[in-house]
Structures are given as structure tokens and as C-alpha cells.
């Protein structure tokens, strides 16, 4: 029985040492982070790295600092590359290229677009006019006739 308690005590002792080692390791990895605006986070540990920034644990609390606010060397340390600006839509490039070649091209594009819209409106109105209007009374009469 005594040996059993001694073995349990040994496991608890090693577990306690493991916890203390983890705590001291987290203190050893704390560092100061300075943003490009001049704000300094002292003794901060990196809690997690996200796609747009890092989450820091400081004595005052938890703070998320975006990569755009950090200096270039810190951005490179966390393997963050500045995203490319969104590209211009393809239709805008086509229109600007066409207008650059022929000034009347913009008027042609507007005319074609408005004719397409008018055609769609005419077809929709034709389909609606050919449909038989149904009301509750007409549905009831149709059901009475089928019985």
C-alpha cells in the first residue's frame, strides 16, 4: 500500500514539474511588439496566428494586432505577405479599351444594352398576357367541373 502511494506521489510530482516548466517556457517566449503607429505591447506572448493578424496575451489582456500594423520584419517572421489588390473586372477593361479605340463605342454599348433590356421586357409582357389569370373563384369552378 505504501509503495502504491509513493508511485502516485511520484506521478503528481512529475506532473507539477511539467506544469512549472510550461509556465516558465511561456515566460521565456514573451517579447515586446511595437506597431508602426508606435504602440508597444510589453511581455506579450503570441496566443495564435490568424490570417490577418496575431493575437497577443499581455498583462492587460488579450489583443489582436493586424499584420498591416506591424513592421515588415515581424510580418516576415510570421510568413505574412501583403495581399494583392483586387483586379479590375474584365468588362471594365473591355469597355475602356473599346472607348479608347473608338469614341462612339460607348454609345454603341449603351444602345445594345438598352435594346437587350427592352427585348426582355417585351417578351416578359407577352408571356404574362398569354397566361390565363386565375382567381379563387376560377379555381373553385374548375374543381367543381372536374368532380
Foldseek 3Di string as FASTA:
>chain_A
DVVVVVVVVVVVVVVVVVVVVVVVVQQVQFAWFAWPVGDIAGRWGFPDADLFFTWTQGPVGIDTDGPVRGDPVVCVVVPHDDDDPDDDDPVVVVVVVVCVVPVCVVVVVVVVVVVVVVVVVVVVVVVVVPDDDDDPVNVVVVVVVVD
